[in-house]
Amino acid sequence: MFGMYIGRYDNKIDSKGRLSIPADFRRLLEENDPKWEPGKNAQMVIVFGDNRRNYLEVYSINDLLGVHRQIRGMDPGSKKRAALQKLFAQQVHPATFDDTGRIVLPSYLRDKVGLSDKALVVGNSQTFMIWEPEAYANDDMSNLKEEDDYDPTLDPAVYLSGDAGLM
């Protein structure tokens, strides 16, 4: 609808680990799956990472290919490249929708981030995230890079330039 993943959705996870993905998100995943065609189900990749991530992050196929292009452009002996390869090539789970727009979250993914019967699906512009609702509410962003000019008491919109995308 908007060409990006935006919004927040409280969804249930059934006993088989199936989670419904918002229709707008499904359309974007279809548009960004080079092998998708009408009547087929889009593919995507769920990045789960290590203990520094307490959420799952879903990438379209095209976006994941773009990440891998960036990684290939890095110094082959770089620790940053090795860390990115581990995250985006090894700590991932391929997924496909079923006919009703659900994905299956295997038990190891649900266990990793503490999901049981509810999940919060939140847009993150180019990707979307799947959180355990309480973990999302309590996230203090402590795993992000420190920035000297960041003030958590301000409305985040102040960090946009004055004409940020406005026409």
Protein backbone atom coordinates (compact mmCIF):
# COMPACT_ATOMS: atom_id res chain seq x y z
CA MET A 1 0.00 0.00 0.00
CA PHE A 2 2.71 2.49 1.00
CA GLY A 3 5.74 0.67 -0.41
CA MET A 4 7.11 0.10 3.09
CA TYR A 5 6.24 -1.84 6.20
CA ILE A 6 4.43 0.43 8.64
CA GLY A 7 1.95 -0.19 11.42
CA ARG A 8 1.55 -2.32 14.49
CA TYR A 9 -0.55 -5.49 14.69
CA ASP A 10 -1.39 -7.69 17.67
CA ASN A 11 -1.78 -11.21 16.29
CA LYS A 12 -2.34 -14.64 17.73
CA ILE A 13 -0.06 -17.62 17.26
CA ASP A 14 -1.92 -20.91 17.03
CA SER A 15 -0.84 -24.24 18.57
CA LYS A 16 1.06 -25.15 15.39
CA GLY A 17 3.11 -21.93 15.51
CA ARG A 18 1.25 -20.20 12.67
CA LEU A 19 1.16 -16.41 12.67
CA SER A 20 -0.97 -14.27 10.36
CA ILE A 21 0.95 -11.56 8.51
CA PRO A 22 -0.87 -8.29 7.68
CA ALA A 23 -2.21 -8.15 4.11
CA ASP A 24 -0.21 -5.00 3.23
CA PHE A 25 2.98 -6.73 4.38
CA ARG A 26 2.15 -9.80 2.30
CA ARG A 27 1.70 -7.67 -0.84
CA LEU A 28 5.13 -6.10 -0.33
CA LEU A 29 6.73 -9.50 0.17
CA GLU A 30 5.10 -10.73 -3.04
CA GLU A 31 6.33 -7.66 -4.97
CA ASN A 32 9.85 -8.24 -3.66
CA ASP A 33 10.08 -11.96 -4.35
CA PRO A 34 11.59 -12.33 -7.85
CA LYS A 35 10.11 -15.82 -8.25
CA TRP A 36 6.61 -14.95 -7.04
CA GLU A 37 3.71 -15.13 -9.48
CA PRO A 38 -0.06 -14.98 -8.93
CA GLY A 39 -1.36 -18.18 -7.38
CA LYS A 40 1.92 -18.88 -5.59
CA ASN A 41 2.95 -17.97 -2.07
CA ALA A 42 5.73 -15.44 -1.52
CA GLN A 43 8.99 -16.40 0.09
CA MET A 44 10.82 -14.41 2.75
CA VAL A 45 13.60 -14.84 5.28
CA ILE A 46 13.29 -14.53 9.05
CA VAL A 47 16.52 -13.27 10.62
CA PHE A 48 16.75 -14.40 14.25
CA GLY A 49 20.35 -13.59 15.16
CA ASP A 50 22.00 -14.34 18.47
CA ASN A 51 21.36 -13.26 22.06
CA ARG A 52 21.64 -9.56 21.10
CA ARG A 53 18.30 -9.82 19.27
CA ASN A 54 15.11 -10.41 21.23
CA TYR A 55 12.89 -10.16 18.15
CA LEU A 56 12.60 -11.73 14.71
CA GLU A 57 13.12 -9.56 11.64
CA VAL A 58 11.53 -10.45 8.32
CA TYR A 59 13.25 -9.53 5.05
CA SER A 60 11.87 -9.82 1.55
CA ILE A 61 13.97 -11.83 -0.88
CA ASN A 62 15.03 -8.71 -2.82
CA ASP A 63 16.03 -6.88 0.36
CA LEU A 64 18.04 -9.86 1.57
CA LEU A 65 19.78 -10.04 -1.82
CA GLY A 66 20.67 -6.36 -1.41
CA VAL A 67 22.14 -7.04 2.02
CA HIS A 68 24.25 -9.86 0.58
CA ARG A 69 25.50 -7.59 -2.21
CA GLN A 70 26.69 -5.13 0.44
CA ILE A 71 28.39 -7.92 2.39
CA ARG A 72 30.17 -9.22 -0.73
CA GLY A 73 31.61 -5.74 -1.25
CA MET A 74 33.34 -5.79 2.13
CA ASP A 75 36.91 -6.92 2.84
CA PRO A 76 36.85 -10.77 2.93
CA GLY A 77 39.06 -10.80 6.05
CA SER A 78 36.93 -8.29 7.94
CA LYS A 79 35.35 -9.21 11.28
CA LYS A 80 32.39 -7.01 10.35
CA ARG A 81 31.89 -9.03 7.16
CA ALA A 82 32.14 -12.32 9.07
CA ALA A 83 29.61 -11.11 11.64
CA LEU A 84 27.21 -9.98 8.90
CA GLN A 85 27.61 -13.27 7.02
CA LYS A 86 26.79 -15.18 10.17
CA LEU A 87 23.71 -13.04 10.83
CA PHE A 88 22.33 -12.96 7.27
CA ALA A 89 23.38 -16.40 5.99
CA GLN A 90 23.37 -18.64 9.04
CA GLN A 91 21.03 -17.13 11.63
CA VAL A 92 18.08 -17.10 9.25
CA HIS A 93 15.02 -19.20 8.58
CA PRO A 94 13.37 -19.26 5.12
CA ALA A 95 9.59 -18.99 5.24
CA THR A 96 6.60 -19.06 2.91
CA PHE A 97 2.98 -18.06 3.43
CA ASP A 98 0.24 -20.63 3.53
CA ASP A 99 -2.94 -20.00 1.53
CA THR A 100 -4.44 -17.90 4.34
CA GLY A 101 -1.45 -15.55 4.74
CA ARG A 102 0.17 -17.23 7.72
CA ILE A 103 3.78 -18.23 8.28
CA VAL A 104 4.94 -21.04 10.52
CA LEU A 105 7.32 -20.01 13.28
CA PRO A 106 9.19 -23.17 14.31
CA SER A 107 9.49 -23.83 18.04
CA TYR A 108 13.18 -22.84 18.12
CA LEU A 109 12.28 -19.35 16.83
CA ARG A 110 9.33 -18.98 19.21
CA ASP A 111 11.48 -20.15 22.12
CA LYS A 112 14.35 -17.81 21.20
CA VAL A 113 12.23 -14.67 21.55
CA GLY A 114 9.71 -15.95 24.12
CA LEU A 115 6.64 -16.19 21.90
CA SER A 116 3.71 -18.27 23.04
CA ASP A 117 0.18 -17.44 21.90
CA LYS A 118 0.54 -13.75 20.96
CA ALA A 119 2.93 -11.75 18.83
CA LEU A 120 3.33 -8.12 17.95
CA VAL A 121 4.07 -7.56 14.25
CA VAL A 122 5.55 -4.09 13.73
CA GLY A 123 6.64 -2.31 10.59
CA ASN A 124 10.22 -1.11 10.44
CA SER A 125 10.13 0.60 7.04
CA GLN A 126 12.25 -1.78 4.90
CA THR A 127 11.64 -4.84 7.12
CA PHE A 128 9.17 -5.85 9.77
CA MET A 129 9.68 -7.33 13.18
CA ILE A 130 7.94 -9.97 15.24
CA TRP A 131 8.11 -9.34 18.98
CA GLU A 132 6.82 -10.90 22.16
CA PRO A 133 4.48 -8.04 23.21
CA GLU A 134 5.96 -7.46 26.69
CA ALA A 135 9.53 -7.51 25.35
CA TYR A 136 8.55 -4.86 22.81
CA ALA A 137 6.98 -2.69 25.50
CA ASN A 138 10.12 -2.97 27.65
CA ASP A 139 12.72 -2.54 24.89
CA ASP A 140 15.09 0.25 25.92
CA MET A 141 17.20 0.23 22.71
CA SER A 142 20.29 -0.50 24.83
CA ASN A 143 21.67 -2.76 22.08
CA LEU A 144 21.91 0.16 19.63
CA LYS A 145 24.92 2.36 18.98
CA GLU A 146 25.27 5.35 21.31
CA GLU A 147 24.85 8.78 19.73
CA ASP A 148 25.97 11.93 21.50
CA ASP A 149 23.11 14.06 20.19
CA TYR A 150 20.28 11.61 20.98
CA ASP A 151 17.88 12.71 23.70
CA PRO A 152 15.30 10.05 24.65
CA THR A 153 13.02 12.69 26.16
CA LEU A 154 12.42 14.40 22.80
CA ASP A 155 9.85 13.45 20.17
CA PRO A 156 11.89 11.44 17.61
CA ALA A 157 10.46 13.55 14.77
CA VAL A 158 12.85 16.36 15.74
CA TYR A 159 15.71 14.33 14.22
CA LEU A 160 14.25 14.68 10.72
CA SER A 161 15.54 17.54 8.63
CA GLY A 162 13.06 20.39 8.20
CA ASP A 163 11.91 19.22 4.76
CA ALA A 164 12.25 15.46 5.32
CA GLY A 165 10.24 14.00 2.50
CA LEU A 166 7.56 16.67 2.61
CA MET A 167 6.38 17.97 -0.71
